[in-house]
Amino acid sequence: MNMNNHLVFVYNAKSDKLNVMIDFAHKIISPSSYDCKLCKLTHGNFGERKQWKDFLQETEIKIDFYHRDIFEEKFDQHFKYPLVLIEKNKSFEEFISSKDLTKFNDLSELISAIKNATY
């Protein structure tokens, strides 16, 4: 990946307050049925995981984050969420698909995949 491009993470969650509260409760009450694998990897019940925060502070990769409703409204594009995209010249390509995210067992595997593809 060219360092002039950047990664766009799109969570399978909506941004409004009601959905944020529902997602919060869902992650605590029934975490195995929560459908945003990206959220599970990068966030605990009360915010970003320390390992993820540390990676984001240390990396030189430009990264943006969106809830699916905000992403679709801003870019008028639709994908199977969650996923990680590469933005190249104002267009998006899948970097890590929704299906591929389900294969990661933990956050360190996601971080390694990002590092291996970008460094």
N, C-alpha and C. Protein backbone atom coordinates (compact mmCIF):
# COMPACT_ATOMS: atom_id res chain seq x y z
N MET A 1 0.86 -1.18 0.00
CA MET A 1 0.00 0.00 0.00
C MET A 1 0.89 1.24 0.00
N ASN A 2 0.62 2.15 -0.85
CA ASN A 2 1.33 3.42 -0.93
C ASN A 2 0.96 4.27 0.28
N MET A 3 1.92 4.89 0.91
CA MET A 3 1.65 5.68 2.11
C MET A 3 0.85 6.95 1.81
N ASN A 4 0.69 7.31 0.52
CA ASN A 4 -0.16 8.45 0.18
C ASN A 4 -1.64 8.09 0.26
N ASN A 5 -1.93 6.80 0.19
CA ASN A 5 -3.30 6.33 0.35
C ASN A 5 -3.60 6.25 1.84
N HIS A 6 -4.85 6.05 2.16
CA HIS A 6 -5.11 5.87 3.57
C HIS A 6 -6.21 4.85 3.81
N LEU A 7 -6.28 4.37 5.05
CA LEU A 7 -7.25 3.35 5.42
C LEU A 7 -8.50 4.00 5.96
N VAL A 8 -9.62 3.39 5.65
CA VAL A 8 -10.92 3.85 6.13
C VAL A 8 -11.60 2.66 6.79
N PHE A 9 -11.82 2.76 8.09
CA PHE A 9 -12.50 1.73 8.85
C PHE A 9 -13.97 2.10 8.91
N VAL A 10 -14.84 1.15 8.53
CA VAL A 10 -16.28 1.41 8.59
C VAL A 10 -16.90 0.34 9.50
N TYR A 11 -17.43 0.81 10.61
CA TYR A 11 -18.05 -0.08 11.59
C TYR A 11 -19.48 -0.41 11.17
N ASN A 12 -19.92 -1.61 11.51
CA ASN A 12 -21.29 -2.03 11.23
C ASN A 12 -22.19 -1.57 12.37
N ALA A 13 -22.25 -0.27 12.54
CA ALA A 13 -23.04 0.35 13.60
C ALA A 13 -23.49 1.71 13.11
N LYS A 14 -24.62 2.13 13.62
CA LYS A 14 -25.13 3.46 13.28
C LYS A 14 -24.68 4.45 14.34
N SER A 15 -24.65 5.73 13.97
CA SER A 15 -24.05 6.75 14.83
C SER A 15 -25.02 7.44 15.78
N ASP A 16 -26.33 7.27 15.59
CA ASP A 16 -27.25 8.02 16.45
C ASP A 16 -27.22 7.49 17.88
N LYS A 17 -27.63 8.33 18.83
CA LYS A 17 -27.52 8.00 20.25
C LYS A 17 -28.26 6.73 20.63
N LEU A 18 -29.46 6.52 20.09
CA LEU A 18 -30.24 5.33 20.42
C LEU A 18 -29.48 4.07 20.01
N ASN A 19 -28.95 4.04 18.80
CA ASN A 19 -28.21 2.87 18.34
C ASN A 19 -26.91 2.68 19.11
N VAL A 20 -26.26 3.75 19.50
CA VAL A 20 -25.05 3.64 20.31
C VAL A 20 -25.39 2.98 21.64
N MET A 21 -26.49 3.37 22.26
CA MET A 21 -26.90 2.77 23.54
C MET A 21 -27.29 1.30 23.35
N ILE A 22 -28.01 1.00 22.28
CA ILE A 22 -28.40 -0.39 22.01
C ILE A 22 -27.16 -1.25 21.78
N ASP A 23 -26.21 -0.75 21.00
CA ASP A 23 -24.97 -1.49 20.75
C ASP A 23 -24.21 -1.73 22.04
N PHE A 24 -24.13 -0.72 22.89
CA PHE A 24 -23.44 -0.83 24.18
C PHE A 24 -24.06 -1.96 24.99
N ALA A 25 -25.37 -1.96 25.10
CA ALA A 25 -26.07 -2.99 25.87
C ALA A 25 -25.90 -4.36 25.22
N HIS A 26 -25.99 -4.42 23.91
CA HIS A 26 -25.86 -5.69 23.20
C HIS A 26 -24.50 -6.32 23.45
N LYS A 27 -23.43 -5.50 23.41
CA LYS A 27 -22.08 -6.02 23.64
C LYS A 27 -21.93 -6.62 25.03
N ILE A 28 -22.65 -6.08 26.00
CA ILE A 28 -22.54 -6.59 27.37
C ILE A 28 -23.46 -7.80 27.58
N ILE A 29 -24.70 -7.71 27.13
CA ILE A 29 -25.69 -8.75 27.37
C ILE A 29 -25.45 -10.00 26.52
N SER A 30 -25.14 -9.80 25.26
CA SER A 30 -24.98 -10.94 24.34
C SER A 30 -23.83 -10.69 23.37
N PRO A 31 -22.59 -10.69 23.89
CA PRO A 31 -21.46 -10.35 23.02
C PRO A 31 -21.26 -11.31 21.85
N SER A 32 -21.62 -12.56 22.00
CA SER A 32 -21.40 -13.52 20.91
C SER A 32 -22.29 -13.25 19.70
N SER A 33 -23.41 -12.57 19.91
CA SER A 33 -24.31 -12.30 18.79
C SER A 33 -24.17 -10.86 18.26
N TYR A 34 -23.24 -10.10 18.81
CA TYR A 34 -23.02 -8.73 18.33
C TYR A 34 -22.38 -8.80 16.96
N ASP A 35 -22.93 -8.09 15.97
CA ASP A 35 -22.54 -8.31 14.58
C ASP A 35 -21.48 -7.38 14.01
N CYS A 36 -20.76 -6.67 14.84
CA CYS A 36 -19.66 -5.86 14.32
C CYS A 36 -18.34 -6.41 14.84
N LYS A 37 -17.73 -7.29 14.04
CA LYS A 37 -16.46 -7.91 14.42
C LYS A 37 -15.37 -6.85 14.60
N LEU A 38 -15.42 -5.80 13.82
CA LEU A 38 -14.43 -4.73 13.94
C LEU A 38 -14.55 -4.06 15.31
N CYS A 39 -15.78 -3.82 15.75
CA CYS A 39 -16.00 -3.25 17.09
C CYS A 39 -15.45 -4.17 18.17
N LYS A 40 -15.72 -5.47 18.02
CA LYS A 40 -15.25 -6.45 19.00
C LYS A 40 -13.73 -6.45 19.11
N LEU A 41 -13.07 -6.32 17.96
CA LEU A 41 -11.61 -6.35 17.96
C LEU A 41 -11.00 -5.09 18.56
N THR A 42 -11.54 -3.93 18.21
CA THR A 42 -10.88 -2.66 18.55
C THR A 42 -11.40 -2.02 19.83
N HIS A 43 -12.57 -2.44 20.30
CA HIS A 43 -13.18 -1.81 21.47
C HIS A 43 -13.61 -2.85 22.50
N GLY A 44 -13.48 -2.47 23.75
CA GLY A 44 -14.07 -3.25 24.83
C GLY A 44 -15.43 -2.64 25.14
N ASN A 45 -16.00 -3.01 26.25
CA ASN A 45 -17.32 -2.49 26.62
C ASN A 45 -17.31 -0.99 26.90
N PHE A 46 -16.16 -0.46 27.28
CA PHE A 46 -16.12 0.94 27.71
C PHE A 46 -15.16 1.81 26.91
N GLY A 47 -14.87 1.41 25.67
CA GLY A 47 -14.04 2.25 24.83
C GLY A 47 -12.97 1.46 24.10
N GLU A 48 -12.10 2.21 23.44
CA GLU A 48 -11.03 1.60 22.66
C GLU A 48 -10.09 0.79 23.56
N ARG A 49 -9.64 -0.32 23.03
CA ARG A 49 -8.66 -1.14 23.74
C ARG A 49 -7.31 -0.41 23.75
N LYS A 50 -6.56 -0.56 24.82
CA LYS A 50 -5.27 0.12 24.96
C LYS A 50 -4.33 -0.23 23.81
N GLN A 51 -4.28 -1.50 23.44
CA GLN A 51 -3.41 -1.94 22.34
C GLN A 51 -3.77 -1.20 21.05
N TRP A 52 -5.05 -0.98 20.82
CA TRP A 52 -5.52 -0.27 19.62
C TRP A 52 -5.14 1.20 19.70
N LYS A 53 -5.36 1.82 20.85
CA LYS A 53 -4.98 3.23 21.03
C LYS A 53 -3.49 3.42 20.79
N ASP A 54 -2.70 2.52 21.35
CA ASP A 54 -1.25 2.61 21.19
C ASP A 54 -0.85 2.49 19.71
N PHE A 55 -1.46 1.53 19.01
CA PHE A 55 -1.16 1.36 17.58
C PHE A 55 -1.51 2.62 16.81
N LEU A 56 -2.68 3.18 17.06
CA LEU A 56 -3.12 4.38 16.34
C LEU A 56 -2.21 5.57 16.61
N GLN A 57 -1.69 5.68 17.83
CA GLN A 57 -0.79 6.78 18.15
C GLN A 57 0.58 6.61 17.51
N GLU A 58 1.02 5.36 17.34
CA GLU A 58 2.36 5.08 16.84
C GLU A 58 2.44 5.02 15.31
N THR A 59 1.35 4.66 14.65
CA THR A 59 1.40 4.44 13.21
C THR A 59 1.50 5.76 12.44
N GLU A 60 2.12 5.67 11.28
CA GLU A 60 2.19 6.82 10.39
C GLU A 60 1.13 6.74 9.30
N ILE A 61 0.33 5.69 9.33
CA ILE A 61 -0.72 5.49 8.34
C ILE A 61 -1.87 6.46 8.65
N LYS A 62 -2.37 7.13 7.62
CA LYS A 62 -3.55 7.98 7.79
C LYS A 62 -4.76 7.06 7.86
N ILE A 63 -5.55 7.21 8.91
CA ILE A 63 -6.70 6.34 9.14
C ILE A 63 -7.91 7.19 9.49
N ASP A 64 -9.04 6.88 8.86
CA ASP A 64 -10.32 7.51 9.20
C ASP A 64 -11.28 6.43 9.66
N PHE A 65 -12.23 6.82 10.51
CA PHE A 65 -13.22 5.90 11.05
C PHE A 65 -14.62 6.45 10.81
N TYR A 66 -15.53 5.55 10.44
CA TYR A 66 -16.92 5.94 10.20
C TYR A 66 -17.87 4.88 10.73
N HIS A 67 -19.01 5.32 11.20
CA HIS A 67 -20.15 4.44 11.36
C HIS A 67 -20.73 4.27 9.96
N ARG A 68 -21.42 3.15 9.71
CA ARG A 68 -21.89 2.88 8.34
C ARG A 68 -22.83 3.95 7.81
N ASP A 69 -23.71 4.51 8.65
CA ASP A 69 -24.66 5.52 8.14
C ASP A 69 -23.95 6.80 7.72
N ILE A 70 -22.96 7.21 8.45
CA ILE A 70 -22.20 8.42 8.12
C ILE A 70 -21.38 8.19 6.85
N PHE A 71 -20.73 7.03 6.75
CA PHE A 71 -19.94 6.71 5.56
C PHE A 71 -20.81 6.74 4.31
N GLU A 72 -21.97 6.06 4.36
CA GLU A 72 -22.84 5.99 3.19
C GLU A 72 -23.39 7.37 2.81
N GLU A 73 -23.71 8.15 3.80
CA GLU A 73 -24.21 9.51 3.53
C GLU A 73 -23.14 10.38 2.90
N LYS A 74 -21.92 10.29 3.41
CA LYS A 74 -20.84 11.15 2.92
C LYS A 74 -20.34 10.74 1.54
N PHE A 75 -20.24 9.42 1.30
CA PHE A 75 -19.60 8.96 0.07
C PHE A 75 -20.56 8.29 -0.92
N ASP A 76 -21.80 8.09 -0.53
CA ASP A 76 -22.80 7.44 -1.37
C ASP A 76 -22.28 6.12 -1.94
N GLN A 77 -21.66 5.34 -1.07
CA GLN A 77 -21.17 4.01 -1.43
C GLN A 77 -21.65 3.04 -0.37
N HIS A 78 -21.85 1.78 -0.79
CA HIS A 78 -22.37 0.76 0.11
C HIS A 78 -21.52 -0.50 -0.01
N PHE A 79 -21.23 -1.08 1.13
CA PHE A 79 -20.43 -2.30 1.20
C PHE A 79 -21.08 -3.22 2.23
N LYS A 80 -20.53 -4.41 2.37
CA LYS A 80 -20.92 -5.30 3.47
C LYS A 80 -20.03 -4.92 4.65
N TYR A 81 -20.65 -4.50 5.73
CA TYR A 81 -19.92 -3.99 6.89
C TYR A 81 -19.85 -5.04 7.98
N PRO A 82 -18.85 -4.90 8.85
CA PRO A 82 -17.76 -3.92 8.88
C PRO A 82 -16.67 -4.30 7.88
N LEU A 83 -15.81 -3.35 7.59
CA LEU A 83 -14.68 -3.61 6.72
C LEU A 83 -13.67 -2.47 6.82
N VAL A 84 -12.52 -2.73 6.21
CA VAL A 84 -11.47 -1.71 6.13
C VAL A 84 -11.22 -1.49 4.64
N LEU A 85 -11.25 -0.23 4.25
CA LEU A 85 -11.05 0.16 2.86
C LEU A 85 -9.73 0.91 2.70
N ILE A 86 -9.23 0.91 1.48
CA ILE A 86 -8.13 1.80 1.12
C ILE A 86 -8.74 2.85 0.21
N GLU A 87 -8.50 4.11 0.53
CA GLU A 87 -8.95 5.18 -0.36
C GLU A 87 -7.77 5.56 -1.25
N LYS A 88 -8.02 5.46 -2.56
CA LYS A 88 -7.01 5.81 -3.56
C LYS A 88 -7.66 6.76 -4.55
N ASN A 89 -7.15 7.95 -4.64
CA ASN A 89 -7.66 8.91 -5.61
C ASN A 89 -9.18 9.06 -5.55
N LYS A 90 -9.70 9.21 -4.36
CA LYS A 90 -11.13 9.45 -4.11
C LYS A 90 -12.02 8.25 -4.43
N SER A 91 -11.42 7.06 -4.57
CA SER A 91 -12.23 5.85 -4.72
C SER A 91 -11.78 4.83 -3.67
N PHE A 92 -12.64 3.86 -3.39
CA PHE A 92 -12.38 2.91 -2.32
C PHE A 92 -12.20 1.50 -2.86
N GLU A 93 -11.27 0.78 -2.26
CA GLU A 93 -11.06 -0.64 -2.53
C GLU A 93 -11.06 -1.36 -1.20
N GLU A 94 -11.58 -2.59 -1.18
CA GLU A 94 -11.54 -3.37 0.06
C GLU A 94 -10.10 -3.71 0.40
N PHE A 95 -9.76 -3.49 1.64
CA PHE A 95 -8.45 -3.86 2.17
C PHE A 95 -8.62 -5.11 3.04
N ILE A 96 -9.58 -5.06 3.95
CA ILE A 96 -9.95 -6.22 4.75
C ILE A 96 -11.48 -6.30 4.71
N SER A 97 -11.99 -7.34 4.08
CA SER A 97 -13.43 -7.48 3.91
C SER A 97 -14.11 -7.86 5.22
N SER A 98 -15.41 -7.76 5.21
CA SER A 98 -16.20 -8.19 6.36
C SER A 98 -15.93 -9.66 6.67
N LYS A 99 -15.88 -10.47 5.64
CA LYS A 99 -15.61 -11.91 5.82
C LYS A 99 -14.22 -12.14 6.40
N ASP A 100 -13.23 -11.40 5.90
CA ASP A 100 -11.87 -11.56 6.40
C ASP A 100 -11.75 -11.14 7.86
N LEU A 101 -12.51 -10.13 8.27
CA LEU A 101 -12.46 -9.70 9.68
C LEU A 101 -12.87 -10.82 10.62
N THR A 102 -13.79 -11.68 10.19
CA THR A 102 -14.25 -12.77 11.06
C THR A 102 -13.15 -13.79 11.32
N LYS A 103 -12.11 -13.79 10.50
CA LYS A 103 -11.01 -14.75 10.66
C LYS A 103 -10.00 -14.34 11.72
N PHE A 104 -10.01 -13.07 12.11
CA PHE A 104 -9.06 -12.61 13.13
C PHE A 104 -9.52 -13.07 14.50
N ASN A 105 -8.61 -13.69 15.24
CA ASN A 105 -8.93 -14.16 16.59
C ASN A 105 -8.80 -13.07 17.64
N ASP A 106 -7.95 -12.11 17.36
CA ASP A 106 -7.76 -11.02 18.33
C ASP A 106 -7.19 -9.79 17.63
N LEU A 107 -7.08 -8.73 18.39
CA LEU A 107 -6.63 -7.44 17.85
C LEU A 107 -5.22 -7.50 17.29
N SER A 108 -4.34 -8.27 17.92
CA SER A 108 -2.96 -8.32 17.43
C SER A 108 -2.89 -8.86 16.00
N GLU A 109 -3.81 -9.76 15.63
CA GLU A 109 -3.84 -10.27 14.26
C GLU A 109 -4.26 -9.18 13.27
N LEU A 110 -5.22 -8.36 13.66
CA LEU A 110 -5.64 -7.25 12.81
C LEU A 110 -4.49 -6.25 12.63
N ILE A 111 -3.85 -5.90 13.70
CA ILE A 111 -2.74 -4.95 13.64
C ILE A 111 -1.60 -5.51 12.77
N SER A 112 -1.31 -6.79 12.93
CA SER A 112 -0.26 -7.42 12.10
C SER A 112 -0.61 -7.38 10.63
N ALA A 113 -1.87 -7.64 10.30
CA ALA A 113 -2.30 -7.60 8.90
C ALA A 113 -2.12 -6.21 8.32
N ILE A 114 -2.45 -5.20 9.10
CA ILE A 114 -2.29 -3.82 8.64
C ILE A 114 -0.81 -3.49 8.44
N LYS A 115 0.00 -3.83 9.42
CA LYS A 115 1.45 -3.55 9.34
C LYS A 115 2.10 -4.30 8.18
N ASN A 116 1.76 -5.57 8.00
CA ASN A 116 2.37 -6.38 6.95
C ASN A 116 2.05 -5.86 5.57
N ALA A 117 0.90 -5.26 5.41
CA ALA A 117 0.48 -4.75 4.10
C ALA A 117 0.96 -3.34 3.83
N THR A 118 1.40 -2.65 4.88
CA THR A 118 1.70 -1.23 4.71
C THR A 118 3.16 -0.88 4.93
N TYR A 119 3.93 -1.72 5.52
CA TYR A 119 5.33 -1.38 5.80
C TYR A 119 6.29 -2.15 4.92
